[in-house]
Amino acid sequence: MNLVTKSALVLQAIAGAGELSVTELAERSGEPASSLYRLLSTLEMIGWVEPGSRRGKMRLGLGFVRLGARLESQLDLREIARPELERLHTETGQTAFLCIRRGLRAVCIDRIDGLDVQIHNLRLGESMPLGQGAAPRAILAFESADIVERYLRELPDDPLFGPAAPSPESLREKLAATAAAGVAVAHNDWGQGIGGVGAPIFNHRGSVVGALSISGQTHRVFHSGYDLVASAKSAADNVSRALGAVRATESAADLQERRAV
């Protein structure tokens, strides 16, 4: 095993556990402790690891954290997601969207027009309320408890994108179903006969940063011989992995545990 590979394995192990001793690293990597001591000493010199909160433990250093932050700032979600957006459009022929959250609304930052383009009002730069539509609900379902509760309190009523907002109770049910399934399935959110599927995108911290979605007339979206749910989820998972997400999606139990922290 070369030095670069060994360093990467050590850093990944520490990142996953938070803090590890040389003995624990040796058990996980299969490398001798003497070799790991030398490697950790070098990594500590360049600021990539530092002593942990307990004697004998090592954690990621400030230099490595800063490097990660610089890398994150350079990642362009729109550029990374574009190939998956194109793949979704090619596979289904429907309109594909990439949305991010701004306040209590989901903003469209990219879209590719499909067969039913005339039915869609959400243009580039425009927004709709979180929780209304496939992509917005896919974002809200995996947001922090504070954002969810704030939205439920305010529940925007925006006639531009459909009927009056649902009750907090019915939206809670939809969000729970979305979190459990890992995708949002929307029927008639924008109008009668219009449906879509949205899947969340996560970053390396496990935080939701956006959503990909496909939408069109219901008879085309859900009865055209392709599995729209699987396609949307696969596309969003690929973008999440490109952003460094360890797990592309999380279970409802994981989400509730994270919200409780």
Foldseek 3Di string as FASTA:
>chain_A
DDLVVLLVLLQVVQVVVVKDALVRSCVVPVDDSVVVVVSVVVCVVQFQWDDDPDPRIIHGGPNVVVVLVVVLVPDDLCVLLVVLQVVLCVVQQFKKFKWFDDQQKIATQDIDHGDANVLDPRDHGDIDGQLQAWFSLQQLLLAAPVSVVVCLVCVDQDPQQAGGGDHSVVSVVQSLVCQALQKHWDAQSRHHQKIKIKHFAAAQVRHTGIIMMGMDGPCRQPPPPDDRHVSRHVSRLSSNVVRNHPGGGDHSVVSVVVNVD
